[in-house]
Amino acid sequence: MGKSDFSQVFQQNLKSVDSLLMVLARPNGLKHSRLGLAIAKKHAPRAVDRNRIKRLIRESFMHHRDFEIAIDTVVLNRSGSVMKNNGLFFESLENHWQKINQKLRHQSS
């Protein structure tokens, strides 16, 4: 995803938020979904923590990229996300993917 794709997702989006992550998504008109990551140093000061968060998000996205409509997605971390274990991240992401899918279904109806 390029800079203009990121800005489009930030301007017009479907949003899903919890204590760990904020997920922004919008239909992209392509045949496949794309993922963008905005992992803030402010909330994860150590590179090893930012890399772990990005790895977990990418892994979860690969398993759930079969959205009903192809989307561009940007995932942002929130404060306190560094201290959570991998299981909580996957649970959080699972909930986000479900919410986004529901919102897409509702929007296309």
Protein backbone atom coordinates (compact mmCIF):
# COMPACT_ATOMS: atom_id res chain seq x y z
CA MET A 1 0.00 0.00 0.00
CA GLY A 2 1.29 3.41 -0.93
CA LYS A 3 0.96 6.71 0.92
CA SER A 4 -2.20 7.72 -0.96
CA ASP A 5 -3.79 4.34 -0.15
CA PHE A 6 -3.03 4.90 3.55
CA SER A 7 -4.57 8.37 3.49
CA GLN A 8 -7.73 7.09 1.81
CA VAL A 9 -8.15 4.49 4.55
CA PHE A 10 -7.65 7.17 7.22
CA GLN A 11 -10.21 9.48 5.57
CA GLN A 12 -13.02 7.04 4.82
CA ASN A 13 -13.09 3.89 6.87
CA LEU A 14 -14.88 1.27 8.85
CA LYS A 15 -13.41 1.28 12.35
CA SER A 16 -12.95 -1.40 14.98
CA VAL A 17 -11.30 -0.44 18.27
CA ASP A 18 -10.38 -2.22 21.49
CA SER A 19 -7.77 -1.74 24.23
CA LEU A 20 -4.92 -3.21 22.11
CA LEU A 21 -5.52 -2.14 18.53
CA MET A 22 -7.45 0.10 16.19
CA VAL A 23 -8.31 -1.39 12.79
CA LEU A 24 -9.38 0.87 9.92
CA ALA A 25 -10.64 -0.65 6.67
CA ARG A 26 -12.31 0.34 3.42
CA PRO A 27 -13.21 -1.50 0.22
CA ASN A 28 -10.42 -1.17 -2.34
CA GLY A 29 -12.01 -2.31 -5.60
CA LEU A 30 -9.26 -4.87 -6.21
CA LYS A 31 -9.43 -8.67 -6.22
CA HIS A 32 -7.35 -8.99 -3.06
CA SER A 33 -7.13 -7.39 0.39
CA ARG A 34 -4.09 -5.39 1.49
CA LEU A 35 -2.64 -4.67 4.92
CA GLY A 36 -0.91 -1.55 6.20
CA LEU A 37 0.71 -1.24 9.63
CA ALA A 38 1.15 1.93 11.69
CA ILE A 39 2.89 0.68 14.83
CA ALA A 40 3.78 3.69 16.97
CA LYS A 41 7.09 3.98 18.79
CA LYS A 42 5.23 5.91 21.45
CA HIS A 43 3.30 2.77 22.44
CA ALA A 44 6.09 0.25 21.69
CA PRO A 45 9.47 1.95 22.24
CA ARG A 46 11.62 -1.13 21.63
CA ALA A 47 12.10 -2.36 18.06
CA VAL A 48 11.75 -5.97 19.19
CA ASP A 49 8.26 -5.20 20.53
CA ARG A 50 7.18 -3.36 17.38
CA ASN A 51 8.43 -6.24 15.23
CA ARG A 52 6.56 -8.82 17.36
CA ILE A 53 3.32 -6.83 17.06
CA LYS A 54 3.75 -6.51 13.28
CA ARG A 55 4.48 -10.24 12.93
CA LEU A 56 1.37 -11.18 14.90
CA ILE A 57 -0.83 -8.84 12.86
CA ARG A 58 0.56 -10.12 9.53
CA GLU A 59 0.09 -13.74 10.59
CA SER A 60 -3.50 -13.15 11.65
CA PHE A 61 -4.27 -11.18 8.48
CA MET A 62 -2.93 -14.01 6.28
CA HIS A 63 -5.33 -16.45 7.97
CA HIS A 64 -8.31 -14.07 7.63
CA ARG A 65 -7.75 -12.32 4.33
CA ASP A 66 -10.83 -13.89 2.75
CA PHE A 67 -13.10 -10.93 3.45
CA GLU A 68 -16.38 -10.80 1.53
CA ILE A 69 -15.15 -7.67 -0.25
CA ALA A 70 -11.47 -6.90 -0.93
CA ILE A 71 -10.32 -4.22 1.51
CA ASP A 72 -7.40 -2.01 2.40
CA THR A 73 -6.72 -2.28 6.12
CA VAL A 74 -4.52 -0.21 8.44
CA VAL A 75 -3.82 -1.51 11.95
CA LEU A 76 -2.58 0.84 14.69
CA ASN A 77 -1.35 -0.21 18.13
CA ARG A 78 -2.58 1.42 21.31
CA SER A 79 -0.92 2.07 24.66
CA GLY A 80 -0.35 -1.03 26.76
CA SER A 81 -0.30 -3.36 23.75
CA VAL A 82 3.35 -4.26 24.34
CA MET A 83 2.61 -5.97 27.64
CA LYS A 84 -0.03 -8.36 26.25
CA ASN A 85 0.71 -11.95 25.28
CA ASN A 86 0.33 -13.39 21.78
CA GLY A 87 -2.93 -15.19 22.61
CA LEU A 88 -4.62 -11.91 23.54
CA PHE A 89 -3.40 -10.32 20.30
CA PHE A 90 -4.82 -13.14 18.19
CA GLU A 91 -8.12 -13.00 20.09
CA SER A 92 -8.29 -9.23 19.61
CA LEU A 93 -7.51 -9.50 15.89
CA GLU A 94 -10.08 -12.27 15.41
CA ASN A 95 -12.72 -9.97 16.89
CA HIS A 96 -11.61 -7.09 14.67
CA TRP A 97 -11.77 -9.18 11.47
CA GLN A 98 -15.29 -10.35 12.41
CA LYS A 99 -16.46 -6.79 13.14
CA ILE A 100 -15.04 -5.49 9.86
CA ASN A 101 -16.71 -8.33 7.94
CA GLN A 102 -20.05 -7.56 9.62
CA LYS A 103 -19.75 -3.87 8.81
CA LEU A 104 -18.89 -4.69 5.18
CA ARG A 105 -21.95 -6.94 4.93
CA HIS A 106 -24.15 -4.25 6.44
CA GLN A 107 -22.69 -1.54 4.18
CA SER A 108 -23.20 -3.57 0.98
CA SER A 109 -26.86 -4.36 1.85
